[in-house]
Protein backbone atom coordinates (compact mmCIF):
# COMPACT_ATOMS: atom_id res chain seq x y z
CA MET A 1 30.11 7.80 -17.76
CA ARG A 2 28.91 4.35 -18.85
CA VAL A 3 25.29 3.27 -18.34
CA PHE A 4 24.19 -0.38 -18.41
CA GLU A 5 20.53 -1.16 -19.13
CA GLU A 6 19.12 -4.67 -19.51
CA ARG A 7 15.70 -3.67 -20.91
CA ASP A 8 16.24 -3.16 -24.61
CA ASP A 9 12.87 -1.77 -25.74
CA GLU A 10 11.54 1.36 -27.42
CA HIS A 11 11.10 3.34 -24.21
CA HIS A 12 14.57 2.58 -22.90
CA ARG A 13 16.10 3.25 -26.32
CA GLU A 14 14.56 6.73 -26.16
CA VAL A 15 15.99 7.27 -22.67
CA ALA A 16 19.35 5.98 -23.88
CA ALA A 17 19.35 8.43 -26.77
CA GLU A 18 18.76 11.32 -24.37
CA LEU A 19 21.58 10.14 -22.09
CA GLU A 20 23.90 9.82 -25.06
CA ARG A 21 23.16 13.43 -25.98
CA LEU A 22 24.36 14.30 -22.47
CA GLY A 23 27.60 12.42 -23.05
CA ALA A 24 26.90 8.99 -21.54
CA GLN A 25 27.94 5.71 -23.14
CA ILE A 26 24.98 3.29 -23.19
CA GLU A 27 25.36 -0.50 -23.22
CA PHE A 28 22.57 -3.09 -23.41
CA VAL A 29 24.82 -6.13 -22.89
CA ILE A 30 27.07 -7.26 -20.06
CA PRO A 31 30.38 -5.48 -20.68
CA ALA A 32 33.66 -7.33 -20.85
CA HIS A 33 35.43 -4.76 -18.67
CA PHE A 34 34.11 -2.59 -15.86
CA PRO A 35 35.20 0.76 -14.43
CA GLN A 36 36.50 0.95 -10.88
CA LEU A 37 33.20 2.26 -9.52
CA VAL A 38 29.66 1.03 -10.26
CA ILE A 39 26.63 3.00 -9.03
CA THR A 40 23.76 0.52 -9.07
CA SER A 41 20.05 1.10 -9.51
CA PRO A 42 17.91 -0.33 -6.67
CA GLY A 43 16.10 -2.50 -9.22
CA TRP A 44 19.17 -4.65 -9.81
CA LYS A 45 19.38 -7.61 -7.44
CA PRO A 46 22.74 -8.42 -5.80
CA ASP A 47 23.03 -11.62 -7.83
CA HIS A 48 22.50 -9.84 -11.16
CA PRO A 49 25.14 -10.99 -13.69
CA VAL A 50 26.33 -7.42 -14.31
CA LEU A 51 26.94 -6.76 -10.61
CA ARG A 52 28.52 -10.15 -10.02
CA ALA A 53 30.84 -9.61 -12.97
CA ALA A 54 31.76 -6.12 -11.76
CA ILE A 55 32.60 -7.38 -8.27
CA ALA A 56 34.60 -10.28 -9.72
CA GLN A 57 36.71 -7.72 -11.63
CA GLY A 58 37.36 -5.75 -8.44
CA ALA A 59 34.94 -2.89 -9.04
CA GLN A 60 33.43 -1.10 -6.06
CA VAL A 61 29.62 -1.23 -6.11
CA MET A 62 27.63 1.37 -4.20
CA SER A 63 24.22 3.01 -4.10
CA GLU A 64 23.43 6.47 -5.41
CA ILE A 65 22.78 7.50 -1.78
CA GLU A 66 26.27 6.52 -0.67
CA CYS A 67 27.79 8.23 -3.70
CA ALA A 68 25.95 11.42 -2.72
CA PHE A 69 27.05 11.14 0.91
CA LEU A 70 30.71 10.63 -0.01
CA HIS A 71 30.59 13.54 -2.44
CA ASP A 72 29.08 15.76 0.26
CA ARG A 73 31.69 14.72 2.82
CA LYS A 74 34.49 15.36 0.32
CA GLU A 75 33.22 18.89 -0.32
CA PHE A 76 33.03 19.54 3.43
CA LEU A 77 36.60 18.34 3.97
CA GLU A 78 37.72 20.57 1.11
CA GLY A 79 36.11 23.58 2.82
CA LYS A 80 33.33 24.11 0.30
CA HIS A 81 30.15 26.02 1.26
CA GLN A 82 32.07 28.20 3.75
CA GLY A 83 32.90 25.13 5.78
CA ALA A 84 29.25 24.34 6.54
CA ARG A 85 28.34 20.69 7.08
CA ARG A 86 25.03 19.25 5.99
CA ARG A 87 23.05 17.20 8.48
CA TRP A 88 21.79 13.86 7.14
CA ILE A 89 18.62 12.44 8.74
CA GLY A 90 17.81 8.89 7.56
CA ILE A 91 14.52 7.01 7.75
CA THR A 92 13.78 3.42 6.78
CA GLY A 93 11.22 0.71 7.54
CA THR A 94 8.87 -1.58 5.68
CA ASN A 95 6.10 1.01 5.76
CA GLY A 96 5.62 4.65 6.67
CA LYS A 97 8.93 5.91 5.28
CA THR A 98 7.54 8.50 2.88
CA THR A 99 4.98 9.76 5.39
CA THR A 100 7.57 10.10 8.15
CA VAL A 101 10.03 11.83 5.84
CA GLY A 102 7.27 14.30 4.96
CA MET A 103 6.47 14.87 8.63
CA VAL A 104 10.12 15.53 9.46
CA GLU A 105 10.50 17.91 6.53
CA SER A 106 7.36 19.78 7.63
CA ILE A 107 8.65 20.05 11.22
CA PHE A 108 12.06 21.31 10.14
CA LYS A 109 10.48 23.92 7.87
CA ALA A 110 8.16 25.02 10.69
CA ALA A 111 11.33 25.59 12.73
CA GLY A 112 12.73 27.79 9.96
CA LEU A 113 15.41 25.30 8.93
CA ASP A 114 16.53 24.83 5.33
CA ALA A 115 15.54 21.18 4.83
CA ILE A 116 14.52 19.00 1.90
CA ALA A 117 13.16 15.46 1.54
CA CYS A 118 15.15 13.29 -0.85
CA GLY A 119 16.46 9.80 -1.50
CA ASN A 120 13.95 7.07 -2.21
CA VAL A 121 11.25 9.76 -2.41
CA GLY A 122 11.30 12.91 -4.50
CA THR A 123 14.63 14.27 -5.66
CA PRO A 124 17.68 11.96 -5.71
CA ALA A 125 20.24 12.87 -3.06
CA ILE A 126 23.00 13.21 -5.66
CA THR A 127 20.96 15.94 -7.37
CA ILE A 128 20.68 17.83 -4.08
CA VAL A 129 24.35 17.67 -3.12
CA THR A 130 25.54 18.69 -6.59
CA GLY A 131 22.98 21.48 -6.94
CA GLU A 132 23.60 25.19 -6.52
CA HIS A 133 21.52 25.59 -3.36
CA PHE A 134 23.05 24.38 -0.10
CA TYR A 135 20.37 22.64 1.97
CA GLU A 136 21.43 22.40 5.59
CA TYR A 137 19.32 19.32 6.38
CA LEU A 138 18.67 16.35 4.11
CA ILE A 139 15.71 14.21 5.19
CA VAL A 140 16.54 10.97 3.41
CA GLU A 141 14.19 8.08 2.75
CA LEU A 142 16.27 4.90 2.53
CA SER A 143 15.08 1.65 1.00
CA SER A 144 16.54 -1.74 1.84
CA PHE A 145 17.97 -1.85 -1.69
CA GLN A 146 19.88 1.39 -1.16
CA LEU A 147 21.09 0.34 2.27
CA HIS A 148 22.30 -3.04 0.97
CA TRP A 149 24.81 -1.22 -1.24
CA SER A 150 25.79 1.39 1.37
CA SER A 151 28.61 0.87 3.83
CA ALA A 152 29.97 4.35 4.53
CA LEU A 153 26.88 6.33 5.59
CA GLU A 154 27.30 8.31 8.81
CA LEU A 155 23.90 9.78 9.56
CA ASP A 156 23.32 12.44 12.18
CA ALA A 157 20.12 10.63 13.20
CA ALA A 158 18.49 7.47 11.89
CA ALA A 159 15.12 5.81 12.46
CA LEU A 160 13.82 2.31 11.75
CA LEU A 161 10.02 2.50 11.81
CA ASN A 162 8.98 -1.16 11.56
CA ILE A 163 9.79 -4.42 9.80
CA ASP A 164 7.79 -7.12 8.09
CA ASP A 165 8.12 -9.45 5.10
CA ASP A 166 8.80 -7.47 1.93
CA HIS A 167 11.16 -7.64 -1.03
CA LEU A 168 12.11 -11.19 -0.10
CA ASP A 169 12.47 -11.96 -3.80
CA TRP A 170 15.27 -9.35 -3.91
CA HIS A 171 17.02 -10.10 -0.62
CA GLY A 172 16.52 -13.87 -0.56
CA ASP A 173 15.06 -14.15 2.94
CA PHE A 174 13.80 -12.09 5.87
CA SER A 175 17.12 -12.20 7.72
CA ALA A 176 18.95 -10.57 4.81
CA TYR A 177 16.17 -7.99 4.47
CA LEU A 178 16.41 -7.09 8.18
CA ASP A 179 20.20 -6.91 8.00
CA ALA A 180 19.93 -4.41 5.14
CA LYS A 181 17.51 -2.25 7.13
CA LEU A 182 19.75 -2.29 10.21
CA LYS A 183 22.65 -0.91 8.18
CA ILE A 184 21.02 2.51 8.59
CA PHE A 185 22.45 2.57 12.12
CA ASP A 186 26.07 1.90 11.08
CA GLY A 187 27.84 5.13 11.90
CA ALA A 188 24.65 6.94 12.99
CA LYS A 189 25.02 9.41 15.86
CA VAL A 190 21.42 8.96 17.10
CA VAL A 191 19.53 5.66 16.80
CA LEU A 192 15.72 5.62 16.97
CA ILE A 193 13.78 2.35 16.77
CA ASN A 194 10.20 1.12 17.28
CA SER A 195 10.03 -0.82 20.55
CA ASP A 196 6.47 -2.01 19.85
CA ASP A 197 7.46 -4.07 16.80
CA PRO A 198 7.97 -7.70 17.92
CA ARG A 199 10.11 -8.50 14.88
CA LEU A 200 12.56 -5.78 15.93
CA HIS A 201 12.87 -7.00 19.53
CA ASP A 202 16.07 -9.01 19.14
CA ALA A 203 17.70 -6.30 17.05
CA THR A 204 16.75 -3.66 19.63
CA VAL A 205 18.25 -5.70 22.47
CA ALA A 206 21.44 -6.24 20.47
CA LEU A 207 21.74 -2.55 19.62
CA ALA A 208 21.11 -1.48 23.22
CA ALA A 209 23.93 -3.76 24.37
CA GLN A 210 26.34 -1.99 22.01
CA ARG A 211 25.36 1.67 22.26
CA GLU A 212 22.84 4.20 23.52
CA ILE A 213 19.54 4.02 21.65
CA THR A 214 16.20 5.80 21.75
CA THR A 215 12.90 4.00 21.20
CA PHE A 216 9.33 5.06 20.53
CA THR A 217 6.12 3.36 21.63
CA LEU A 218 2.36 3.80 21.57
CA GLN A 219 2.41 3.11 25.32
CA VAL A 220 3.30 5.43 28.20
CA PRO A 221 7.01 6.14 27.68
CA GLN A 222 9.79 5.17 30.03
CA TYR A 223 13.01 7.14 30.32
CA GLY A 224 14.76 7.06 26.94
CA GLN A 225 11.51 6.77 24.98
CA LEU A 226 8.93 8.84 23.16
CA GLY A 227 5.36 7.66 23.64
CA LEU A 228 1.74 8.44 24.44
CA VAL A 229 0.15 9.73 27.62
CA GLU A 230 -3.58 9.78 26.92
CA ASP A 231 -3.89 12.09 23.88
CA LEU A 232 -0.40 13.60 24.18
CA LEU A 233 2.82 12.70 22.37
CA VAL A 234 5.50 12.88 25.03
CA ASP A 235 9.30 12.97 24.94
CA ARG A 236 11.27 11.33 27.76
CA ALA A 237 14.42 10.81 25.70
CA PHE A 238 15.75 14.26 24.82
CA THR A 239 14.80 16.27 27.91
CA GLY A 240 18.14 16.02 29.69
CA SER A 241 16.52 14.61 32.83
CA GLN A 242 15.14 11.25 33.90
CA THR A 243 12.32 12.97 35.77
CA VAL A 244 11.11 15.33 33.04
CA ALA A 245 8.54 14.55 30.33
CA THR A 246 7.90 17.06 27.55
CA GLU A 247 4.72 17.29 25.49
CA VAL A 248 5.63 17.60 21.81
CA ALA A 249 2.23 17.26 20.10
CA THR A 250 -1.34 16.00 20.49
CA LEU A 251 -3.23 13.26 18.67
CA ALA A 252 -5.53 15.92 17.21
CA GLU A 253 -2.55 17.31 15.28
CA ILE A 254 -1.91 14.02 13.43
CA ASN A 255 -3.75 13.32 10.18
CA PRO A 256 -5.01 10.62 10.27
CA PRO A 257 -4.59 9.67 13.96
CA ALA A 258 -4.55 5.93 13.18
CA PRO A 259 -2.09 3.92 15.32
CA HIS A 260 0.41 3.32 12.52
CA ASN A 261 0.46 7.03 11.70
CA VAL A 262 0.85 8.03 15.35
CA ALA A 263 3.93 5.79 15.40
CA ASN A 264 5.22 7.65 12.34
CA ALA A 265 4.65 10.96 14.13
CA LEU A 266 6.52 9.76 17.22
CA ALA A 267 9.47 8.78 15.05
CA ALA A 268 9.38 12.17 13.32
CA ALA A 269 9.23 13.93 16.68
CA GLY A 270 12.17 11.89 17.95
CA LEU A 271 14.32 12.80 14.96
CA ALA A 272 13.40 16.45 15.37
CA ARG A 273 14.21 16.41 19.09
CA ALA A 274 17.54 14.74 18.30
CA MET A 275 18.35 17.80 16.18
CA GLY A 276 17.37 20.17 19.00
CA ILE A 277 14.00 21.30 17.64
CA SER A 278 11.56 22.72 20.19
CA PRO A 279 8.15 21.12 20.84
CA GLU A 280 6.15 24.05 19.45
CA TYR A 281 7.70 23.51 16.01
CA ILE A 282 7.01 19.78 16.16
CA SER A 283 3.32 20.35 16.80
CA ALA A 284 3.18 23.08 14.14
CA GLY A 285 4.90 20.86 11.59
CA LEU A 286 2.58 17.92 12.26
CA ARG A 287 -0.48 20.17 11.95
CA ALA A 288 0.76 21.50 8.63
CA PHE A 289 1.61 18.09 7.18
CA THR A 290 -0.79 16.58 4.65
CA PRO A 291 -0.37 12.88 3.76
CA GLY A 292 0.42 12.11 0.14
CA HIS A 293 -1.98 10.56 -2.31
CA HIS A 294 -2.64 6.80 -2.35
CA ARG A 295 -2.39 6.50 1.46
CA ILE A 296 -5.85 5.76 2.92
CA GLU A 297 -7.16 8.46 0.60
CA LYS A 298 -10.93 8.92 0.50
CA ILE A 299 -12.15 9.02 -3.11
CA ALA A 300 -15.94 9.04 -2.74
CA ASP A 301 -18.84 8.27 -0.42
CA LEU A 302 -21.97 7.20 -2.30
CA ASP A 303 -25.12 5.56 -0.93
CA GLY A 304 -23.31 4.73 2.29
CA VAL A 305 -20.36 3.05 0.54
CA LEU A 306 -16.94 4.57 1.18
CA TRP A 307 -14.30 4.25 -1.56
CA VAL A 308 -10.70 4.44 -0.32
CA ASN A 309 -7.41 4.40 -2.23
CA ASP A 310 -4.45 2.90 -0.36
CA SER A 311 -2.51 1.79 -3.42
CA LYS A 312 0.72 2.56 -1.53
CA ALA A 313 -0.02 -0.56 0.55
CA THR A 314 2.29 -2.79 -1.48
CA ASN A 315 2.89 -5.41 1.23
CA PRO A 316 0.86 -7.24 3.90
CA HIS A 317 2.14 -5.04 6.73
CA ALA A 318 0.78 -1.86 5.14
CA THR A 319 -2.45 -3.56 4.10
CA ASN A 320 -3.01 -4.77 7.66
CA ALA A 321 -2.93 -1.16 8.87
CA ALA A 322 -5.41 -0.15 6.17
CA LEU A 323 -7.85 -3.00 6.85
CA ALA A 324 -7.69 -2.26 10.58
CA ALA A 325 -9.24 1.15 9.95
CA PHE A 326 -12.58 -0.23 8.67
CA ASP A 327 -15.20 -2.67 9.93
CA SER A 328 -16.64 -4.12 6.71
CA VAL A 329 -14.43 -4.16 3.64
CA ILE A 330 -14.66 -5.09 -0.01
CA TRP A 331 -10.96 -5.65 -0.50
CA ILE A 332 -9.24 -5.01 -3.85
CA ALA A 333 -5.94 -6.87 -3.81
CA GLY A 334 -3.31 -8.56 -5.92
CA GLY A 335 -0.26 -7.95 -8.08
CA LEU A 336 3.31 -9.04 -7.33
CA ALA A 337 3.60 -10.42 -3.80
CA LYS A 338 7.43 -10.29 -3.82
CA GLY A 339 7.65 -13.51 -1.83
CA ALA A 340 5.60 -12.21 1.10
CA ASP A 341 3.26 -14.44 3.11
CA ILE A 342 -0.37 -13.26 2.79
CA SER A 343 -1.91 -15.86 5.11
CA ASN A 344 -1.14 -14.08 8.40
CA LEU A 345 -2.75 -10.91 7.08
CA VAL A 346 -5.93 -12.76 6.14
CA LYS A 347 -6.04 -14.58 9.50
CA ARG A 348 -5.76 -11.28 11.39
CA ARG A 349 -8.36 -9.42 9.29
CA SER A 350 -10.80 -12.14 8.22
CA ARG A 351 -13.60 -10.56 10.28
CA GLN A 352 -13.41 -7.34 8.29
CA ILE A 353 -13.06 -8.81 4.79
CA LYS A 354 -16.62 -9.20 3.51
CA GLY A 355 -15.64 -9.56 -0.13
CA ALA A 356 -12.50 -9.55 -2.27
CA VAL A 357 -11.79 -8.56 -5.86
CA LEU A 358 -8.45 -10.05 -6.92
CA ILE A 359 -6.14 -9.17 -9.79
CA GLY A 360 -2.58 -9.73 -10.90
CA THR A 361 0.13 -12.32 -11.07
CA ASP A 362 -0.06 -13.58 -7.48
CA ARG A 363 -3.81 -13.39 -6.92
CA GLU A 364 -4.03 -17.15 -6.41
CA ILE A 365 -1.87 -16.82 -3.29
CA ILE A 366 -4.42 -14.40 -1.87
CA ARG A 367 -7.37 -16.51 -2.96
CA GLU A 368 -5.92 -19.60 -1.28
CA ALA A 369 -5.40 -17.66 1.96
CA LEU A 370 -8.96 -16.33 1.86
CA GLU A 371 -10.46 -19.74 1.16
CA LYS A 372 -8.52 -21.23 4.06
CA TYR A 373 -8.79 -18.51 6.71
CA SER A 374 -11.83 -16.47 5.63
CA PRO A 375 -14.17 -19.03 4.04
CA ASN A 376 -17.22 -16.76 4.20
CA THR A 377 -15.58 -14.08 2.08
CA ARG A 378 -16.99 -13.77 -1.41
CA ILE A 379 -14.19 -13.75 -4.00
CA LEU A 380 -14.18 -12.42 -7.57
CA LEU A 381 -11.25 -12.65 -9.99
CA VAL A 382 -10.94 -9.94 -12.63
CA ASP A 383 -8.82 -10.45 -15.74
CA GLU A 384 -7.29 -7.97 -18.15
CA ASP A 385 -8.86 -7.54 -21.58
CA ALA A 386 -6.38 -9.28 -23.89
CA GLN A 387 -7.67 -7.23 -26.83
CA LEU A 388 -6.34 -4.02 -25.28
CA THR A 389 -2.78 -2.82 -24.77
CA GLY A 390 -0.86 -0.26 -22.74
CA GLU A 391 -2.66 2.44 -20.82
CA GLU A 392 -6.12 1.49 -22.04
CA ARG A 393 -5.61 -2.10 -20.89
CA SER A 394 -4.72 -0.95 -17.37
CA ARG A 395 -7.52 1.60 -17.32
CA GLN A 396 -10.17 -0.89 -18.43
CA LEU A 397 -8.94 -3.43 -15.89
CA MET A 398 -9.50 -0.94 -13.08
CA ARG A 399 -12.93 0.00 -14.44
CA ASP A 400 -13.87 -3.70 -14.34
CA VAL A 401 -12.47 -4.04 -10.82
CA VAL A 402 -14.45 -1.06 -9.55
CA LEU A 403 -17.63 -2.31 -11.21
CA ALA A 404 -17.19 -5.75 -9.63
CA ALA A 405 -16.61 -4.19 -6.20
CA SER A 406 -19.66 -1.95 -6.56
CA ARG A 407 -21.86 -4.99 -7.14
CA MET A 408 -20.60 -6.53 -3.89
CA ALA A 409 -20.76 -3.43 -1.72
CA GLN A 410 -23.70 -2.41 0.45
CA SER A 411 -24.34 0.59 2.67
CA GLY A 412 -21.83 0.58 5.54
CA ASP A 413 -19.08 -1.09 3.51
CA CYS A 414 -15.73 0.35 2.52
CA VAL A 415 -14.33 -0.55 -0.88
CA LEU A 416 -10.62 -0.51 -0.16
CA LEU A 417 -7.80 -0.66 -2.69
CA ALA A 418 -4.96 -1.95 -0.49
CA PRO A 419 -3.36 -4.56 -2.75
CA ALA A 420 -0.67 -6.03 -0.44
CA CYS A 421 1.36 -6.38 -3.64
CA ALA A 422 3.51 -4.37 -6.01
CA SER A 423 1.90 -3.06 -9.17
CA MET A 424 4.37 -3.52 -12.01
CA ASP A 425 2.70 -6.57 -13.54
CA GLN A 426 -0.32 -4.53 -14.66
CA PHE A 427 0.43 -0.86 -13.93
CA GLN A 428 3.34 1.54 -14.25
CA SER A 429 3.58 2.09 -10.49
CA TYR A 430 1.50 2.07 -7.30
CA ALA A 431 0.65 5.72 -8.06
CA HIS A 432 -0.58 4.82 -11.55
CA ARG A 433 -2.71 2.04 -10.05
CA GLY A 434 -4.18 4.44 -7.50
CA GLU A 435 -4.86 7.14 -10.08
CA LEU A 436 -6.75 4.71 -12.33
CA PHE A 437 -8.74 3.49 -9.32
CA GLY A 438 -9.71 7.06 -8.48
CA ASP A 439 -10.67 7.75 -12.10
CA ALA A 440 -12.80 4.60 -12.27
CA VAL A 441 -14.58 5.39 -9.00
CA ARG A 442 -15.34 8.93 -10.11
CA GLU A 443 -16.71 7.61 -13.41
CA LEU A 444 -18.90 5.18 -11.48
CA VAL A 445 -20.35 7.82 -9.18
CA GLY A 446 -20.81 10.31 -12.01
CA GLU A 447 -18.02 12.72 -11.13
CA GLY A 448 -15.68 11.76 -13.97
């Protein structure tokens, strides 16, 4: 196996040394000759010189997900695992993927099924399909990067949760980003899509003209939909009758019952129903599910000020959902905007944004939007301490951010970390950013 890595630094040299001990050949330059098959990391853009050179030489480029799927199918055709066939359940969308994957996994486990979440979250799919244990159901989170390089997936059920501007720096434009997301339905046996999302309307109409689809909505469902009837989640798609509606869960069983999360639960319920799972297991699985960290996570409540970590909100769409949950917000934002437009977010939520503490590479984009569409919002910019490096630099930055926000906040406010941007300019990951925020808040309130 040959591994190509463009970042030639101490950390990646250490990783390379470990891979070499396992038998891999490591190269830090563009090779002159490529193998027939290239498995690409999602971080490599389609126009990367290595990938362009590989394609020019006739190499096949695919994602790790597709490699795992093809390996699994090959083993099935060869009669491995006593002829059992894994079921692949795929989930994509701009936001809510990880939460929905977790909900589906929880539902399947409540039903006594041998299921595991994998893909863009948790364990790589290739690790699962080459492991000793045979999982019957793979609940696969799929990013647009992975789908771009996948052309042979045949999922048993697939869901597209929502779509909004994100990763435009990688895909080039929104149309290419949407096209990548829609590839999840190529070869899928069951198609589930959000009918409430206006940016998915044309795609939904086009899909419905080609094949049978199922949609989900926060409204009262029509035949072929899952939706809401008062406080009930109701299935009118998998009942076998146009006149039958089946309750699958209640709003009280969803944590938190915010609109965006109810939509996630409806998608999870739809995927479960597509696999024949009974309503009682859907409600049990949703009750048992606990959202992951960094997703509207309460850190502290001191002197009437609520501190909330939503570091997972790495784009405007996710941040809009977070801001919608609170009336008066001191907003901590900034980082790498990835080509996304921030102005529509600020226009929609200007009433709630009382103050803003901005950091990161693209903070000026956010400041300009605030000055134009939310002129009464008080804005503070916080810089890194150039005298510090590494972890301590990131940690001190977040301490300074939290201190600045505390000086703005008054009783009744929510200090909300929902950056609308990726984190890699100043932190290791969105999780690292959220952890440092939590640490800084706990230090401030005397719990650290």
